[in-house]
Amino acid sequence: MSTSRKLTVAVGTPFDVELGATPSTGYIWELPSPPDGVQLLGSDFRQPATAAIGDGGTQVFHLRASAAGHFELSFQLKRRWETTPIETQVIEVDAR
């Protein structure tokens, strides 16, 4: 399954991409290779304060566009030892 979203960001200003995740299942989102002009600054996982152990949450990727242009970020949901993702999210980034 593949879905797509669009973002407009300012060059040099960090921005976040948030994707729903349940890492307790072994599946996590990955950004295998950010395109030239986009830097991956890091990622983390957030859950509501009321979440129980094993509940889902949000995987947050922290990025920055270092150049103006149109970029496609292709995130893959898979287990680390697998090569084929069960889902792909494409985020189209317009950096100005």
C-alpha atoms as a PDB file:
ATOM      1  CA  MET A   1       0.000   0.000   0.000  1.00  0.00           C
ATOM      2  CA  SER A   2       1.293   3.446  -0.867  1.00  0.00           C
ATOM      3  CA  THR A   3      -0.012   6.881   0.090  1.00  0.00           C
ATOM      4  CA  SER A   4       1.178  10.402  -0.634  1.00  0.00           C
ATOM      5  CA  ARG A   5       1.148  13.806   1.105  1.00  0.00           C
ATOM      6  CA  LYS A   6       2.563  17.252   0.306  1.00  0.00           C
ATOM      7  CA  LEU A   7       4.474  19.737   2.484  1.00  0.00           C
ATOM      8  CA  THR A   8       5.810  23.223   1.838  1.00  0.00           C
ATOM      9  CA  VAL A   9       8.861  24.109   3.952  1.00  0.00           C
ATOM     10  CA  ALA A  10      11.387  26.918   4.278  1.00  0.00           C
ATOM     11  CA  VAL A  11      14.965  26.163   3.220  1.00  0.00           C
ATOM     12  CA  GLY A  12      17.198  25.792   6.287  1.00  0.00           C
ATOM     13  CA  THR A  13      14.305  25.494   8.750  1.00  0.00           C
ATOM     14  CA  PRO A  14      13.854  22.078  10.398  1.00  0.00           C
ATOM     15  CA  PHE A  15      10.532  20.333   9.796  1.00  0.00           C
ATOM     16  CA  ASP A  16       8.937  17.106  11.013  1.00  0.00           C
ATOM     17  CA  VAL A  17       7.179  14.240   9.263  1.00  0.00           C
ATOM     18  CA  GLU A  18       4.879  12.266  11.575  1.00  0.00           C
ATOM     19  CA  LEU A  19       3.768   8.724  10.761  1.00  0.00           C
ATOM     20  CA  GLY A  20       1.560   6.447  12.842  1.00  0.00           C
ATOM     21  CA  ALA A  21       3.536   3.468  14.161  1.00  0.00           C
ATOM     22  CA  THR A  22       3.361   0.472  16.462  1.00  0.00           C
ATOM     23  CA  PRO A  23       7.001  -0.574  16.968  1.00  0.00           C
ATOM     24  CA  SER A  24       6.027  -3.322  19.434  1.00  0.00           C
ATOM     25  CA  THR A  25       4.928  -5.318  16.348  1.00  0.00           C
ATOM     26  CA  GLY A  26       8.467  -5.112  14.948  1.00  0.00           C
ATOM     27  CA  TYR A  27       7.436  -2.729  12.158  1.00  0.00           C
ATOM     28  CA  ILE A  28       9.054   0.698  12.064  1.00  0.00           C
ATOM     29  CA  TRP A  29       9.264   3.453   9.474  1.00  0.00           C
ATOM     30  CA  GLU A  30      12.566   4.002   7.686  1.00  0.00           C
ATOM     31  CA  LEU A  31      13.800   6.649   5.271  1.00  0.00           C
ATOM     32  CA  PRO A  32      16.351   4.532   3.374  1.00  0.00           C
ATOM     33  CA  SER A  33      17.996   7.350   1.440  1.00  0.00           C
ATOM     34  CA  PRO A  34      16.995  11.000   1.741  1.00  0.00           C
ATOM     35  CA  PRO A  35      17.408  12.831  -1.574  1.00  0.00           C
ATOM     36  CA  ASP A  36      20.258  15.295  -2.059  1.00  0.00           C
ATOM     37  CA  GLY A  37      19.076  18.593  -0.600  1.00  0.00           C
ATOM     38  CA  VAL A  38      17.283  17.039   2.393  1.00  0.00           C
ATOM     39  CA  GLN A  39      19.041  16.073   5.626  1.00  0.00           C
ATOM     40  CA  LEU A  40      17.700  13.586   8.162  1.00  0.00           C
ATOM     41  CA  LEU A  41      18.439  15.137  11.567  1.00  0.00           C
ATOM     42  CA  GLY A  42      17.051  12.251  13.625  1.00  0.00           C
ATOM     43  CA  SER A  43      13.852  10.509  14.646  1.00  0.00           C
ATOM     44  CA  ASP A  44      11.939   9.524  17.747  1.00  0.00           C
ATOM     45  CA  PHE A  45       8.766   7.765  18.852  1.00  0.00           C
ATOM     46  CA  ARG A  46       6.024   9.516  20.807  1.00  0.00           C
ATOM     47  CA  GLN A  47       3.042   8.104  22.672  1.00  0.00           C
ATOM     48  CA  PRO A  48       0.214   9.796  24.541  1.00  0.00           C
ATOM     49  CA  ALA A  49       0.725   9.979  28.320  1.00  0.00           C
ATOM     50  CA  THR A  50      -2.202   7.565  28.724  1.00  0.00           C
ATOM     51  CA  ALA A  51      -0.698   4.886  26.442  1.00  0.00           C
ATOM     52  CA  ALA A  52      -0.233   1.369  27.772  1.00  0.00           C
ATOM     53  CA  ILE A  53       2.803  -0.790  27.034  1.00  0.00           C
ATOM     54  CA  GLY A  54       2.598  -1.985  23.425  1.00  0.00           C
ATOM     55  CA  ASP A  55       0.217   0.758  22.287  1.00  0.00           C
ATOM     56  CA  GLY A  56       0.902   2.579  19.061  1.00  0.00           C
ATOM     57  CA  GLY A  57       2.004   6.156  18.719  1.00  0.00           C
ATOM     58  CA  THR A  58       3.736   8.445  16.272  1.00  0.00           C
ATOM     59  CA  GLN A  59       7.169   8.051  14.732  1.00  0.00           C
ATOM     60  CA  VAL A  60       8.579  11.521  14.087  1.00  0.00           C
ATOM     61  CA  PHE A  61      11.335  12.209  11.558  1.00  0.00           C
ATOM     62  CA  HIS A  62      13.228  15.490  11.969  1.00  0.00           C
ATOM     63  CA  LEU A  63      14.498  16.844   8.644  1.00  0.00           C
ATOM     64  CA  ARG A  64      15.851  19.989   7.014  1.00  0.00           C
ATOM     65  CA  ALA A  65      15.918  21.079   3.373  1.00  0.00           C
ATOM     66  CA  SER A  66      19.336  22.528   2.603  1.00  0.00           C
ATOM     67  CA  ALA A  67      18.386  23.690  -0.897  1.00  0.00           C
ATOM     68  CA  ALA A  68      15.320  24.991  -2.689  1.00  0.00           C
ATOM     69  CA  GLY A  69      13.478  22.547  -4.909  1.00  0.00           C
ATOM     70  CA  HIS A  70      10.954  19.725  -5.066  1.00  0.00           C
ATOM     71  CA  PHE A  71      11.876  16.516  -3.244  1.00  0.00           C
ATOM     72  CA  GLU A  72      10.212  13.141  -2.688  1.00  0.00           C
ATOM     73  CA  LEU A  73      10.752  11.384   0.623  1.00  0.00           C
ATOM     74  CA  SER A  74       9.828   7.702   0.409  1.00  0.00           C
ATOM     75  CA  PHE A  75       9.275   6.194   3.868  1.00  0.00           C
ATOM     76  CA  GLN A  76       9.010   2.409   4.204  1.00  0.00           C
ATOM     77  CA  LEU A  77       7.210   0.486   6.942  1.00  0.00           C
ATOM     78  CA  LYS A  78       9.019  -2.803   7.531  1.00  0.00           C
ATOM     79  CA  ARG A  79      10.854  -4.946  10.007  1.00  0.00           C
ATOM     80  CA  ARG A  80      14.609  -4.336   9.976  1.00  0.00           C
ATOM     81  CA  TRP A  81      15.457  -7.827   8.733  1.00  0.00           C
ATOM     82  CA  GLU A  82      12.985  -7.731   5.836  1.00  0.00           C
ATOM     83  CA  THR A  83      13.658  -6.225   2.428  1.00  0.00           C
ATOM     84  CA  THR A  84      10.075  -5.648   1.265  1.00  0.00           C
ATOM     85  CA  PRO A  85       7.994  -2.983   3.061  1.00  0.00           C
ATOM     86  CA  ILE A  86       4.338  -3.620   3.895  1.00  0.00           C
ATOM     87  CA  GLU A  87       3.552   0.061   3.314  1.00  0.00           C
ATOM     88  CA  THR A  88       5.151   3.085   1.671  1.00  0.00           C
ATOM     89  CA  GLN A  89       4.423   6.745   2.415  1.00  0.00           C
ATOM     90  CA  VAL A  90       5.648   9.320  -0.107  1.00  0.00           C
ATOM     91  CA  ILE A  91       5.963  12.866   1.191  1.00  0.00           C
ATOM     92  CA  GLU A  92       6.390  15.484  -1.515  1.00  0.00           C
ATOM     93  CA  VAL A  93       8.377  18.428  -0.168  1.00  0.00           C
ATOM     94  CA  ASP A  94       8.429  21.834  -1.822  1.00  0.00           C
ATOM     95  CA  ALA A  95      11.339  23.768  -0.265  1.00  0.00           C
ATOM     96  CA  ARG A  96      11.334  27.529  -0.823  1.00  0.00           C
END
